[in-house]
C-alpha cells in the first residue's frame, strides 16, 4: 500500500527549502507560545444555594437532578439545603435521588435550626428520607438532644429497618444527652435484626460510658 506522500503529486516549489524551514519554525514558536484557552467555568458558589435549593422541587426531573448535582459540588457550603436534599432522597427519579445522596455525603452536619424539621422527617414514607434525617441528626451530636424522643420513636416504631438502624446509630452519636432513649435501645439490642442489635448495644455503651 502506498503511503500518503506517495499518492501526492510532486510539485516543484519556487520557494527554497531553507525559507520554508524558517517559516515553519516561526509558526511552531507562535503556536507553542499561545496559552491554552481556559476551560468553561462550572464553578458553583455558596451564594447559589438558595436558587439550587428551590430547583430541587422543580417540575422538570432534569432541573431537579441538575440542582442536586450542583449542590454536591459545594460540600459543607451546601448545609443550608440539608432538609431539601434529605427530602429529595424520596424523589421519584433515580438520578435526583443519587445526586441528593452524593450531596448529603459531603455535607457534614446540618444547621441546628433544621433540627425540628429533620425530626419530623424520621417518619417519612420513604426509607431513604428517614435514613438521611437520622443521619443528619446524628451528625449534630449533642446539639440534637431535643430530637431524642423522635429518634427513640423511630428506633422502636419505624417500618423501615434502615431507619431503625440509623436511629440507633444517631442516638449513640448523641452520647449522654440520649439517656432518655435507653429503654428503646435496650429493647432494640435484643432484636432479631442483628445489625440493629449491634448498633443499639454500641449506642448504649456510648451513652452510659
N, C-alpha and C. Protein backbone atom coordinates (compact mmCIF):
# COMPACT_ATOMS: atom_id res chain seq x y z
N UNK A 1 0.86 -1.20 0.00
CA UNK A 1 0.00 0.00 0.00
C UNK A 1 0.89 1.23 0.00
N UNK A 2 0.56 2.19 -0.88
CA UNK A 2 1.35 3.41 -0.96
C UNK A 2 1.08 4.29 0.25
N UNK A 3 2.11 5.03 0.65
CA UNK A 3 1.92 5.98 1.75
C UNK A 3 1.20 7.20 1.24
N UNK A 4 0.81 8.08 2.21
CA UNK A 4 0.11 9.31 1.84
C UNK A 4 0.98 10.14 0.90
N UNK A 5 2.27 10.26 1.24
CA UNK A 5 3.16 11.07 0.40
C UNK A 5 3.30 10.50 -1.01
N UNK A 6 3.21 9.18 -1.11
CA UNK A 6 3.33 8.55 -2.43
C UNK A 6 2.15 8.93 -3.33
N UNK A 7 1.02 9.17 -2.72
CA UNK A 7 -0.17 9.48 -3.51
C UNK A 7 -0.24 10.95 -3.90
N UNK A 8 0.54 11.78 -3.24
CA UNK A 8 0.51 13.21 -3.54
C UNK A 8 1.35 13.51 -4.78
N UNK A 9 0.86 14.32 -5.69
CA UNK A 9 1.66 14.68 -6.87
C UNK A 9 2.84 15.54 -6.48
N UNK A 10 3.93 15.33 -7.18
CA UNK A 10 5.14 16.11 -6.90
C UNK A 10 5.00 17.50 -7.53
N UNK A 11 5.15 18.53 -6.71
CA UNK A 11 5.03 19.91 -7.20
C UNK A 11 6.33 20.64 -6.91
N UNK A 12 6.88 21.23 -7.93
CA UNK A 12 8.12 21.97 -7.76
C UNK A 12 7.80 23.35 -7.17
N UNK A 13 8.35 23.67 -6.04
CA UNK A 13 8.08 24.94 -5.39
C UNK A 13 9.18 25.93 -5.71
N UNK A 14 8.78 27.18 -6.00
CA UNK A 14 9.79 28.20 -6.26
C UNK A 14 10.47 28.69 -4.99
N UNK A 15 9.92 28.28 -3.81
CA UNK A 15 10.49 28.74 -2.55
C UNK A 15 11.53 27.74 -2.10
N UNK A 16 12.64 28.22 -1.65
CA UNK A 16 13.72 27.34 -1.23
C UNK A 16 13.35 26.59 0.03
N UNK A 17 13.97 25.45 0.23
CA UNK A 17 13.71 24.65 1.43
C UNK A 17 14.15 25.39 2.68
N UNK A 18 15.16 26.21 2.57
CA UNK A 18 15.63 26.99 3.73
C UNK A 18 14.58 27.98 4.18
N UNK A 19 13.95 28.67 3.20
CA UNK A 19 12.90 29.64 3.54
C UNK A 19 11.72 28.96 4.17
N UNK A 20 11.39 27.80 3.62
CA UNK A 20 10.26 27.05 4.20
C UNK A 20 10.56 26.66 5.63
N UNK A 21 11.81 26.27 5.89
CA UNK A 21 12.17 25.89 7.25
C UNK A 21 12.04 27.04 8.22
N UNK A 22 12.49 28.24 7.83
CA UNK A 22 12.36 29.41 8.71
C UNK A 22 10.89 29.72 8.97
N UNK A 23 10.07 29.63 7.92
CA UNK A 23 8.63 29.94 8.07
C UNK A 23 7.97 28.94 9.03
N UNK A 24 8.31 27.66 8.85
CA UNK A 24 7.73 26.63 9.72
C UNK A 24 8.15 26.85 11.16
N UNK A 25 9.40 27.26 11.37
CA UNK A 25 9.88 27.49 12.73
C UNK A 25 9.14 28.62 13.40
N UNK A 26 8.89 29.68 12.65
CA UNK A 26 8.15 30.81 13.23
C UNK A 26 6.73 30.38 13.61
N UNK A 27 6.08 29.57 12.76
CA UNK A 27 4.72 29.11 13.06
C UNK A 27 4.71 28.24 14.30
N UNK A 28 5.73 27.37 14.40
CA UNK A 28 5.80 26.48 15.56
C UNK A 28 5.95 27.27 16.85
N UNK A 29 6.86 28.27 16.81
CA UNK A 29 7.07 29.07 18.02
C UNK A 29 5.84 29.86 18.39
N UNK A 30 5.10 30.33 17.36
CA UNK A 30 3.89 31.09 17.64
C UNK A 30 2.83 30.22 18.30
N UNK A 31 2.68 28.99 17.78
CA UNK A 31 1.70 28.07 18.37
C UNK A 31 2.10 27.66 19.76
N UNK A 32 3.42 27.41 19.93
CA UNK A 32 3.90 26.96 21.22
C UNK A 32 3.73 28.03 22.29
N UNK A 33 3.85 29.30 21.91
CA UNK A 33 3.77 30.38 22.89
C UNK A 33 2.34 30.83 23.17
N UNK A 34 1.38 30.29 22.41
CA UNK A 34 -0.01 30.69 22.64
C UNK A 34 -0.58 29.95 23.84
N UNK A 35 -1.03 30.65 24.88
CA UNK A 35 -1.55 29.97 26.06
C UNK A 35 -2.84 29.23 25.72
N UNK A 36 -3.06 28.08 26.36
CA UNK A 36 -4.28 27.33 26.10
C UNK A 36 -5.50 28.10 26.57
N UNK A 37 -6.61 27.87 25.93
CA UNK A 37 -7.84 28.52 26.35
C UNK A 37 -8.29 27.94 27.69
N UNK A 38 -8.70 28.80 28.59
CA UNK A 38 -9.19 28.27 29.87
C UNK A 38 -10.49 27.52 29.66
N UNK A 39 -10.72 26.45 30.45
CA UNK A 39 -11.97 25.71 30.29
C UNK A 39 -13.15 26.56 30.73
N UNK A 40 -14.30 26.21 30.21
CA UNK A 40 -15.51 26.93 30.63
C UNK A 40 -15.74 26.72 32.12
N UNK A 41 -16.10 27.78 32.79
CA UNK A 41 -16.27 27.71 34.23
C UNK A 41 -17.59 27.04 34.60
N UNK A 42 -17.47 26.02 35.46
CA UNK A 42 -18.66 25.38 36.02
C UNK A 42 -18.72 25.63 37.52
N UNK A 43 -18.10 26.71 37.95
CA UNK A 43 -17.99 27.00 39.37
C UNK A 43 -19.37 27.27 39.98
N UNK A 44 -19.59 26.63 41.11
CA UNK A 44 -20.81 26.86 41.88
C UNK A 44 -20.41 27.59 43.15
N UNK A 45 -21.12 28.63 43.48
CA UNK A 45 -20.79 29.43 44.65
C UNK A 45 -21.80 29.19 45.75
N UNK A 46 -21.39 29.36 47.00
CA UNK A 46 -22.34 29.23 48.11
C UNK A 46 -23.55 30.14 47.97
N UNK A 47 -23.36 31.27 47.30
CA UNK A 47 -24.49 32.18 47.10
C UNK A 47 -25.55 31.60 46.17
N UNK A 48 -25.21 30.52 45.47
CA UNK A 48 -26.17 29.87 44.57
C UNK A 48 -27.10 28.91 45.30
N UNK A 49 -26.82 28.62 46.57
CA UNK A 49 -27.57 27.59 47.30
C UNK A 49 -29.07 27.85 47.34
N UNK A 50 -29.54 29.06 47.67
CA UNK A 50 -31.00 29.26 47.70
C UNK A 50 -31.68 28.94 46.37
N UNK A 51 -31.07 29.35 45.28
CA UNK A 51 -31.65 29.08 43.97
C UNK A 51 -31.64 27.59 43.66
N UNK A 52 -30.55 26.92 43.97
CA UNK A 52 -30.45 25.48 43.73
C UNK A 52 -31.41 24.71 44.64
N UNK A 53 -31.54 25.18 45.85
CA UNK A 53 -32.47 24.55 46.79
C UNK A 53 -33.90 24.61 46.27
N UNK A 54 -34.28 25.76 45.72
CA UNK A 54 -35.62 25.90 45.16
C UNK A 54 -35.80 25.00 43.95
N UNK A 55 -34.73 24.81 43.18
CA UNK A 55 -34.81 23.99 41.97
C UNK A 55 -34.98 22.51 42.28
N UNK A 56 -34.72 22.10 43.51
CA UNK A 56 -34.91 20.70 43.89
C UNK A 56 -36.37 20.27 43.84
N UNK A 57 -37.27 21.24 43.79
CA UNK A 57 -38.70 20.92 43.71
C UNK A 57 -39.28 21.35 42.37
N UNK A 58 -38.42 21.59 41.39
CA UNK A 58 -38.90 22.00 40.06
C UNK A 58 -39.72 20.88 39.41
N UNK A 59 -40.52 21.26 38.44
CA UNK A 59 -41.38 20.28 37.77
C UNK A 59 -40.58 19.32 36.90
N UNK A 60 -39.49 19.82 36.30
CA UNK A 60 -38.70 19.00 35.39
C UNK A 60 -37.66 18.17 36.16
N UNK A 61 -37.67 16.85 35.96
CA UNK A 61 -36.69 16.00 36.64
C UNK A 61 -35.25 16.40 36.36
N UNK A 62 -34.98 16.80 35.11
CA UNK A 62 -33.62 17.18 34.76
C UNK A 62 -33.16 18.39 35.56
N UNK A 63 -34.06 19.31 35.81
CA UNK A 63 -33.71 20.50 36.59
C UNK A 63 -33.45 20.12 38.04
N UNK A 64 -34.24 19.22 38.58
CA UNK A 64 -34.04 18.76 39.95
C UNK A 64 -32.70 18.03 40.09
N UNK A 65 -32.44 17.16 39.13
CA UNK A 65 -31.18 16.41 39.17
C UNK A 65 -29.98 17.35 39.02
N UNK A 66 -30.11 18.34 38.13
CA UNK A 66 -29.03 19.29 37.94
C UNK A 66 -28.75 20.09 39.19
N UNK A 67 -29.80 20.47 39.90
CA UNK A 67 -29.62 21.24 41.13
C UNK A 67 -28.93 20.40 42.20
N UNK A 68 -29.35 19.14 42.34
CA UNK A 68 -28.71 18.26 43.33
C UNK A 68 -27.25 18.02 42.97
N UNK A 69 -26.96 17.88 41.69
CA UNK A 69 -25.59 17.68 41.23
C UNK A 69 -24.73 18.89 41.58
N UNK A 70 -25.25 20.07 41.32
CA UNK A 70 -24.50 21.29 41.63
C UNK A 70 -24.27 21.42 43.13
N UNK A 71 -25.26 21.08 43.92
CA UNK A 71 -25.11 21.16 45.37
C UNK A 71 -24.07 20.17 45.86
N UNK A 72 -23.95 19.03 45.18
CA UNK A 72 -22.96 18.03 45.60
C UNK A 72 -21.54 18.56 45.44
N UNK A 73 -21.35 19.57 44.61
CA UNK A 73 -20.03 20.15 44.39
C UNK A 73 -19.63 21.14 45.48
N UNK A 74 -20.58 21.52 46.30
CA UNK A 74 -20.32 22.56 47.30
C UNK A 74 -19.85 22.00 48.64
N UNK A 75 -20.04 20.71 48.85
CA UNK A 75 -19.63 20.14 50.13
C UNK A 75 -20.36 20.79 51.29
N UNK A 76 -19.63 21.10 52.38
CA UNK A 76 -20.27 21.72 53.55
C UNK A 76 -20.93 23.07 53.27
N UNK A 77 -20.56 23.72 52.18
CA UNK A 77 -21.18 25.00 51.86
C UNK A 77 -22.64 24.85 51.46
N UNK A 78 -23.09 23.61 51.27
CA UNK A 78 -24.50 23.37 50.91
C UNK A 78 -25.35 23.03 52.13
N UNK A 79 -24.83 23.30 53.32
CA UNK A 79 -25.53 22.93 54.56
C UNK A 79 -26.94 23.50 54.63
N UNK A 80 -27.11 24.70 54.11
CA UNK A 80 -28.43 25.33 54.19
C UNK A 80 -29.50 24.54 53.44
N UNK A 81 -29.07 23.67 52.54
CA UNK A 81 -30.03 22.88 51.75
C UNK A 81 -30.20 21.47 52.30
N UNK A 82 -29.75 21.23 53.54
CA UNK A 82 -29.77 19.88 54.11
C UNK A 82 -31.16 19.26 54.09
N UNK A 83 -32.14 19.99 54.56
CA UNK A 83 -33.50 19.46 54.62
C UNK A 83 -34.03 19.16 53.22
N UNK A 84 -33.84 20.08 52.31
CA UNK A 84 -34.32 19.90 50.94
C UNK A 84 -33.65 18.70 50.27
N UNK A 85 -32.37 18.51 50.55
CA UNK A 85 -31.66 17.37 49.98
C UNK A 85 -32.15 16.05 50.58
N UNK A 86 -32.42 16.06 51.88
CA UNK A 86 -32.97 14.86 52.51
C UNK A 86 -34.33 14.51 51.89
N UNK A 87 -35.14 15.51 51.68
CA UNK A 87 -36.44 15.27 51.05
C UNK A 87 -36.29 14.79 49.61
N UNK A 88 -35.27 15.28 48.92
CA UNK A 88 -35.03 14.88 47.53
C UNK A 88 -34.65 13.41 47.43
N UNK A 89 -34.23 12.82 48.53
CA UNK A 89 -33.90 11.38 48.53
C UNK A 89 -35.16 10.53 48.33
N UNK A 90 -36.31 11.15 48.42
CA UNK A 90 -37.56 10.44 48.16
C UNK A 90 -38.14 10.76 46.79
N UNK A 91 -37.35 11.43 45.95
CA UNK A 91 -37.81 11.80 44.61
C UNK A 91 -38.12 10.55 43.79
N UNK A 92 -39.06 10.67 42.87
CA UNK A 92 -39.43 9.54 42.02
C UNK A 92 -38.34 9.20 41.01
N UNK A 93 -37.49 10.17 40.69
CA UNK A 93 -36.44 9.96 39.70
C UNK A 93 -35.14 9.50 40.36
N UNK A 94 -34.61 8.38 39.86
CA UNK A 94 -33.41 7.81 40.45
C UNK A 94 -32.23 8.77 40.39
N UNK A 95 -32.08 9.48 39.27
CA UNK A 95 -30.94 10.38 39.13
C UNK A 95 -30.98 11.49 40.18
N UNK A 96 -32.16 11.99 40.48
CA UNK A 96 -32.30 13.01 41.51
C UNK A 96 -31.87 12.45 42.86
N UNK A 97 -32.35 11.26 43.16
CA UNK A 97 -32.01 10.63 44.44
C UNK A 97 -30.51 10.41 44.57
N UNK A 98 -29.90 9.95 43.49
CA UNK A 98 -28.46 9.66 43.55
C UNK A 98 -27.62 10.91 43.79
N UNK A 99 -27.98 12.01 43.11
CA UNK A 99 -27.22 13.24 43.31
C UNK A 99 -27.50 13.85 44.68
N UNK A 100 -28.73 13.69 45.17
CA UNK A 100 -29.05 14.19 46.51
C UNK A 100 -28.21 13.45 47.56
N UNK A 101 -28.11 12.15 47.40
CA UNK A 101 -27.27 11.36 48.33
C UNK A 101 -25.82 11.79 48.22
N UNK A 102 -25.34 12.01 47.00
CA UNK A 102 -23.96 12.45 46.81
C UNK A 102 -23.70 13.77 47.54
N UNK A 103 -24.67 14.67 47.48
CA UNK A 103 -24.53 15.96 48.16
C UNK A 103 -24.54 15.78 49.67
N UNK A 104 -25.43 14.93 50.17
CA UNK A 104 -25.54 14.73 51.61
C UNK A 104 -24.29 14.05 52.18
N UNK A 105 -23.68 13.19 51.41
CA UNK A 105 -22.48 12.52 51.89
C UNK A 105 -21.33 13.50 52.14
N UNK A 106 -21.34 14.63 51.43
CA UNK A 106 -20.27 15.61 51.58
C UNK A 106 -20.68 16.80 52.45
N UNK A 107 -21.89 16.77 52.95
CA UNK A 107 -22.48 17.95 53.58
C UNK A 107 -21.96 18.23 54.98
N UNK A 108 -21.69 17.19 55.73
CA UNK A 108 -21.35 17.38 57.14
C UNK A 108 -22.61 17.57 57.96
N UNK A 109 -22.49 18.26 59.07
CA UNK A 109 -23.63 18.48 59.96
C UNK A 109 -24.54 19.58 59.40
N UNK A 110 -25.84 19.43 59.56
CA UNK A 110 -26.78 20.45 59.08
C UNK A 110 -26.86 21.61 60.07
N UNK A 111 -27.52 22.69 59.70
CA UNK A 111 -27.74 23.77 60.67
C UNK A 111 -28.61 23.27 61.83
N UNK A 112 -28.30 23.69 63.04
CA UNK A 112 -29.08 23.29 64.20
C UNK A 112 -30.53 23.74 64.05
N UNK A 113 -30.75 24.81 63.34
CA UNK A 113 -32.11 25.32 63.13
C UNK A 113 -32.99 24.33 62.38
N UNK A 114 -32.39 23.36 61.70
CA UNK A 114 -33.17 22.37 60.94
C UNK A 114 -33.59 21.18 61.78
N UNK A 115 -33.23 21.18 63.04
CA UNK A 115 -33.44 20.01 63.89
C UNK A 115 -34.88 19.54 63.91
N UNK A 116 -35.83 20.44 64.14
CA UNK A 116 -37.23 20.04 64.28
C UNK A 116 -37.77 19.45 62.97
N UNK A 117 -37.40 20.05 61.85
CA UNK A 117 -37.87 19.54 60.56
C UNK A 117 -37.28 18.16 60.28
N UNK A 118 -36.00 18.00 60.58
CA UNK A 118 -35.37 16.70 60.38
C UNK A 118 -36.01 15.63 61.26
N UNK A 119 -36.34 16.00 62.47
CA UNK A 119 -37.00 15.04 63.37
C UNK A 119 -38.35 14.60 62.80
N UNK A 120 -39.04 15.53 62.16
CA UNK A 120 -40.35 15.18 61.58
C UNK A 120 -40.20 14.28 60.36
N UNK A 121 -39.05 14.33 59.71
CA UNK A 121 -38.82 13.50 58.52
C UNK A 121 -38.47 12.06 58.86
N UNK A 122 -38.23 11.78 60.12
CA UNK A 122 -37.90 10.41 60.51
C UNK A 122 -39.04 9.44 60.19
N UNK A 123 -40.26 9.96 60.18
CA UNK A 123 -41.42 9.11 59.90
C UNK A 123 -41.87 9.18 58.45
N UNK A 124 -41.05 9.71 57.58
CA UNK A 124 -41.43 9.82 56.17
C UNK A 124 -41.67 8.43 55.58
N UNK A 125 -42.58 8.37 54.61
CA UNK A 125 -42.88 7.08 53.98
C UNK A 125 -41.70 6.52 53.20
N UNK A 126 -40.79 7.39 52.80
CA UNK A 126 -39.59 6.94 52.09
C UNK A 126 -38.52 6.55 53.10
N UNK A 127 -38.02 5.34 52.97
CA UNK A 127 -36.96 4.88 53.87
C UNK A 127 -35.71 5.74 53.72
N UNK A 128 -35.41 6.17 52.50
CA UNK A 128 -34.22 6.97 52.27
C UNK A 128 -34.30 8.34 52.95
N UNK A 129 -35.48 8.93 52.92
CA UNK A 129 -35.66 10.22 53.59
C UNK A 129 -35.47 10.06 55.10
N UNK A 130 -36.09 9.05 55.68
CA UNK A 130 -35.94 8.80 57.12
C UNK A 130 -34.50 8.49 57.50
N UNK A 131 -33.85 7.72 56.65
CA UNK A 131 -32.46 7.35 56.90
C UNK A 131 -31.57 8.59 56.95
N UNK A 132 -31.75 9.48 55.98
CA UNK A 132 -30.89 10.67 55.95
C UNK A 132 -31.26 11.68 57.02
N UNK A 133 -32.53 11.70 57.42
CA UNK A 133 -32.92 12.56 58.54
C UNK A 133 -32.21 12.11 59.81
N UNK A 134 -32.18 10.80 60.04
CA UNK A 134 -31.49 10.26 61.22
C UNK A 134 -29.99 10.51 61.12
N UNK A 135 -29.45 10.37 59.93
CA UNK A 135 -28.01 10.59 59.73
C UNK A 135 -27.63 12.02 60.05
N UNK A 136 -28.40 12.96 59.54
CA UNK A 136 -28.10 14.38 59.78
C UNK A 136 -28.25 14.73 61.25
N UNK A 137 -29.24 14.17 61.91
CA UNK A 137 -29.41 14.42 63.35
C UNK A 137 -28.22 13.84 64.12
N UNK A 138 -27.78 12.66 63.72
CA UNK A 138 -26.62 12.06 64.38
C UNK A 138 -25.36 12.89 64.20
N UNK A 139 -25.23 13.52 63.05
CA UNK A 139 -24.05 14.36 62.82
C UNK A 139 -24.03 15.60 63.71
N UNK A 140 -25.18 15.98 64.21
CA UNK A 140 -25.24 17.14 65.09
C UNK A 140 -24.72 16.83 66.49
N UNK A 141 -24.62 15.55 66.83
CA UNK A 141 -24.12 15.18 68.15
C UNK A 141 -25.03 15.69 69.26
N UNK A 142 -24.43 16.22 70.30
CA UNK A 142 -25.19 16.68 71.46
C UNK A 142 -26.19 17.77 71.12
N UNK A 143 -25.94 18.50 70.06
CA UNK A 143 -26.87 19.56 69.67
C UNK A 143 -28.23 19.01 69.25
N UNK A 144 -28.29 17.71 68.97
CA UNK A 144 -29.56 17.10 68.57
C UNK A 144 -30.35 16.55 69.76
N UNK A 145 -29.96 16.90 70.97
CA UNK A 145 -30.63 16.39 72.17
C UNK A 145 -32.16 16.56 72.13
N UNK A 146 -32.68 17.70 71.66
CA UNK A 146 -34.15 17.83 71.61
C UNK A 146 -34.83 16.81 70.71
N UNK A 147 -34.08 16.15 69.84
CA UNK A 147 -34.67 15.16 68.92
C UNK A 147 -34.63 13.74 69.48
N UNK A 148 -34.15 13.58 70.71
CA UNK A 148 -34.05 12.23 71.28
C UNK A 148 -35.39 11.50 71.28
N UNK A 149 -36.50 12.12 71.71
CA UNK A 149 -37.79 11.41 71.67
C UNK A 149 -38.16 10.94 70.26
N UNK A 150 -37.92 11.80 69.27
CA UNK A 150 -38.24 11.43 67.89
C UNK A 150 -37.36 10.28 67.41
N UNK A 151 -36.08 10.31 67.76
CA UNK A 151 -35.18 9.23 67.37
C UNK A 151 -35.54 7.93 68.08
N UNK A 152 -35.91 8.03 69.35
CA UNK A 152 -36.33 6.83 70.08
C UNK A 152 -37.59 6.24 69.47
N UNK A 153 -38.50 7.14 69.05
CA UNK A 153 -39.72 6.68 68.41
C UNK A 153 -39.44 5.98 67.09
N UNK A 154 -38.51 6.53 66.31
CA UNK A 154 -38.13 5.90 65.04
C UNK A 154 -37.46 4.56 65.28
N UNK A 155 -36.66 4.49 66.33
CA UNK A 155 -35.97 3.25 66.68
C UNK A 155 -36.97 2.14 67.00
N UNK A 156 -38.03 2.49 67.69
CA UNK A 156 -39.00 1.48 68.12
C UNK A 156 -40.10 1.23 67.11
N UNK A 157 -40.48 2.28 66.37
CA UNK A 157 -41.69 2.15 65.57
C UNK A 157 -41.58 2.27 64.07
N UNK A 158 -40.39 2.60 63.52
CA UNK A 158 -40.30 2.74 62.07
C UNK A 158 -40.51 1.38 61.39
N UNK A 159 -41.19 1.42 60.26
CA UNK A 159 -41.39 0.19 59.48
C UNK A 159 -40.19 -0.14 58.60
N UNK A 160 -39.22 0.78 58.59
CA UNK A 160 -38.04 0.59 57.76
C UNK A 160 -36.84 0.19 58.63
N UNK A 161 -36.26 -0.95 58.36
CA UNK A 161 -35.13 -1.40 59.17
C UNK A 161 -33.95 -0.44 59.07
N UNK A 162 -33.76 0.14 57.88
CA UNK A 162 -32.63 1.06 57.71
C UNK A 162 -32.79 2.30 58.58
N UNK A 163 -34.03 2.76 58.77
CA UNK A 163 -34.28 3.92 59.62
C UNK A 163 -34.06 3.56 61.08
N UNK A 164 -34.54 2.40 61.50
CA UNK A 164 -34.34 1.96 62.88
C UNK A 164 -32.84 1.84 63.20
N UNK A 165 -32.10 1.26 62.27
CA UNK A 165 -30.66 1.11 62.47
C UNK A 165 -29.97 2.46 62.56
N UNK A 166 -30.37 3.36 61.68
CA UNK A 166 -29.72 4.67 61.68
C UNK A 166 -30.10 5.48 62.90
N UNK A 167 -31.31 5.29 63.40
CA UNK A 167 -31.71 5.98 64.62
C UNK A 167 -30.87 5.52 65.80
N UNK A 168 -30.59 4.22 65.86
CA UNK A 168 -29.74 3.70 66.93
C UNK A 168 -28.34 4.31 66.82
N UNK A 169 -27.82 4.35 65.60
CA UNK A 169 -26.50 4.97 65.39
C UNK A 169 -26.50 6.42 65.84
N UNK A 170 -27.55 7.17 65.46
CA UNK A 170 -27.62 8.59 65.79
C UNK A 170 -27.68 8.80 67.31
N UNK A 171 -28.45 7.99 67.99
CA UNK A 171 -28.55 8.12 69.45
C UNK A 171 -27.20 7.88 70.11
N UNK A 172 -26.46 6.93 69.58
CA UNK A 172 -25.12 6.70 70.10
C UNK A 172 -24.23 7.90 69.89
N UNK A 173 -24.37 8.57 68.78
CA UNK A 173 -23.56 9.76 68.49
C UNK A 173 -23.89 10.91 69.43
N UNK A 174 -25.11 10.94 69.92
CA UNK A 174 -25.50 12.00 70.86
C UNK A 174 -24.83 11.81 72.21
N UNK A 175 -24.52 10.58 72.57
CA UNK A 175 -23.87 10.31 73.85
C UNK A 175 -24.83 10.48 75.03
N UNK A 176 -24.32 10.91 76.18
CA UNK A 176 -25.13 11.03 77.40
C UNK A 176 -26.45 11.80 77.24
N UNK A 177 -26.55 12.83 76.40
CA UNK A 177 -27.84 13.51 76.25
C UNK A 177 -28.96 12.59 75.74
N UNK A 178 -28.62 11.40 75.25
CA UNK A 178 -29.64 10.47 74.75
C UNK A 178 -30.06 9.46 75.80
N UNK A 179 -29.82 9.76 77.06
CA UNK A 179 -30.17 8.83 78.14
C UNK A 179 -31.65 8.45 78.10
N UNK A 180 -32.49 9.37 77.70
CA UNK A 180 -33.93 9.10 77.65
C UNK A 180 -34.31 8.02 76.65
N UNK A 181 -33.39 7.62 75.79
CA UNK A 181 -33.69 6.58 74.80
C UNK A 181 -33.15 5.22 75.21
N UNK A 182 -32.64 5.08 76.44
CA UNK A 182 -32.03 3.82 76.85
C UNK A 182 -33.00 2.65 76.83
N UNK A 183 -34.24 2.88 77.24
CA UNK A 183 -35.22 1.79 77.23
C UNK A 183 -35.43 1.26 75.81
N UNK A 184 -35.61 2.19 74.88
CA UNK A 184 -35.82 1.78 73.49
C UNK A 184 -34.58 1.08 72.95
N UNK A 185 -33.41 1.56 73.33
CA UNK A 185 -32.17 0.94 72.86
C UNK A 185 -31.97 -0.45 73.47
N UNK A 186 -32.36 -0.61 74.72
CA UNK A 186 -32.23 -1.92 75.38
C UNK A 186 -33.11 -2.96 74.68
N UNK A 187 -34.32 -2.55 74.32
CA UNK A 187 -35.19 -3.46 73.58
C UNK A 187 -34.62 -3.77 72.20
N UNK A 188 -34.08 -2.75 71.54
CA UNK A 188 -33.51 -2.95 70.21
C UNK A 188 -32.28 -3.85 70.26
N UNK A 189 -31.57 -3.84 71.37
CA UNK A 189 -30.37 -4.66 71.50
C UNK A 189 -30.71 -6.15 71.50
N UNK A 190 -31.97 -6.49 71.76
CA UNK A 190 -32.41 -7.89 71.74
C UNK A 190 -33.21 -8.22 70.48
N UNK A 191 -33.19 -7.32 69.51
CA UNK A 191 -33.97 -7.52 68.29
C UNK A 191 -33.37 -8.64 67.43
N UNK A 192 -34.25 -9.26 66.63
CA UNK A 192 -33.79 -10.30 65.71
C UNK A 192 -32.92 -9.75 64.59
N UNK A 193 -33.06 -8.44 64.32
CA UNK A 193 -32.21 -7.78 63.33
C UNK A 193 -30.82 -7.61 63.96
N UNK A 194 -29.89 -8.45 63.55
CA UNK A 194 -28.58 -8.49 64.20
C UNK A 194 -27.82 -7.17 64.06
N UNK A 195 -27.97 -6.54 62.92
CA UNK A 195 -27.29 -5.25 62.74
C UNK A 195 -27.87 -4.21 63.69
N UNK A 196 -29.18 -4.18 63.79
CA UNK A 196 -29.83 -3.25 64.72
C UNK A 196 -29.40 -3.53 66.14
N UNK A 197 -29.39 -4.81 66.52
CA UNK A 197 -29.00 -5.17 67.88
C UNK A 197 -27.57 -4.72 68.18
N UNK A 198 -26.69 -4.88 67.21
CA UNK A 198 -25.29 -4.48 67.41
C UNK A 198 -25.17 -2.96 67.55
N UNK A 199 -25.87 -2.22 66.70
CA UNK A 199 -25.83 -0.76 66.77
C UNK A 199 -26.44 -0.25 68.07
N UNK A 200 -27.52 -0.88 68.51
CA UNK A 200 -28.15 -0.47 69.77
C UNK A 200 -27.24 -0.73 70.95
N UNK A 201 -26.59 -1.90 70.95
CA UNK A 201 -25.67 -2.20 72.03
C UNK A 201 -24.51 -1.21 72.09
N UNK A 202 -24.01 -0.86 70.94
CA UNK A 202 -22.92 0.12 70.90
C UNK A 202 -23.39 1.49 71.37
N UNK A 203 -24.60 1.85 70.99
CA UNK A 203 -25.15 3.15 71.41
C UNK A 203 -25.29 3.21 72.93
N UNK A 204 -25.73 2.11 73.53
CA UNK A 204 -25.86 2.08 74.99
C UNK A 204 -24.51 2.32 75.64
N UNK A 205 -23.48 1.72 75.10
CA UNK A 205 -22.13 1.93 75.65
C UNK A 205 -21.70 3.39 75.50
N UNK A 206 -22.02 3.99 74.36
CA UNK A 206 -21.64 5.39 74.13
C UNK A 206 -22.38 6.34 75.07
N UNK A 207 -23.62 5.99 75.38
CA UNK A 207 -24.44 6.86 76.24
C UNK A 207 -24.06 6.72 77.71
N UNK A 208 -23.83 5.49 78.13
CA UNK A 208 -23.56 5.24 79.55
C UNK A 208 -22.08 5.34 79.90
N UNK A 209 -21.25 5.35 78.86
CA UNK A 209 -19.82 5.48 79.12
C UNK A 209 -19.22 4.18 79.60
